[in-house]
Structures are given as structure tokens and as C-alpha cells.
Amino acid sequence: MERGRPPLGPGLVDTLQGPDEAKRRLKVILETVAGTRTIADACAELGICEAAFHELRKQALAAAVAGLAPRPVGRPRKDADPEQRRIQELEAQVFLLKKDLQVAHLRQELAISMPHLFERRQARQAAKNAKKKKTAPPPS
């Protein structure tokens, strides 16, 4: 002897909210899935051919799978307003500029404390520029 309520099966569709025609179609599709209605009978009920029924059933089942896919837990993040986004961009820019300034200060300290390194570099750069001038075509 079974206890509890009898399962409603495709009859559960009647308890859902939505257009009556969509609920009728879903109920017929679920009856074919449950094996209580043949596909030929379902096609006659819906007034469509077998190929259209298979496509309709495929769409319904795909929508069911998509609706049951796991979602992130909790409330969705609220997008930051444009003003907050702009503040974050400016803070990032300030951070990069501070780093560039630190690098420039280090280069300056190195140039003061070790001028011979920078003199060689300047000499190499001057030689390179002179070589470019020799090989560059004359302006027309």
C-alpha cells in the first residue's frame, strides 16, 4: 500500500502560470515523455507533423535544462555607477604614474652617483644617431 499523494505527472503543468496554449503544448510533450501518449496522438492533438513535434519537444527540453542549470549563489553584483568606475580608473592611473615617478627618481639617482654608465650610453646613442644620418637619403 502506497502512502502520500499520487503523483500528478504532466498534470502539474496545470498549476503553472502562463498562456493556456503553451501549457497545453507542454502537457502533451510531457505525456509523450512519460509514455502515456503516442507521438502520433500528440501530433494530431497539436496539429503539427512529426518532425515539427520532435523539434518542439527538443526546444522544450533544452529550455528545461537551461532553467535548471546551476547559478551563482546570492544576490547578483550591482554594476558600479559610472562615477565609481571613473574613480577606479583614475586611482589606477595615479598608481601607475607614482610608479613611473619612482623609476624616474631612481634613474636620476643612478645618473648622479654613477655618471660613467650614462656617459657611455649617451656616446653609443650619439654614434647610432650619426650613423643613421649618414645612411638616410637626402630630403627632396
Foldseek 3Di string as FASTA:
>chain_A
DDDDDDDCFLVVLVVDDDDPLVSVLSSLLRCVVVVNDPLVRSCVVNVHDSVVNVVVSVVVVVVVCVVPDDDDDDDDDDDDPPVVVVVVVVVVVVVVVVVVVVVVVVVVVCCVVPVVVVVVVVVVVVVVVVVCVVPDDDDD
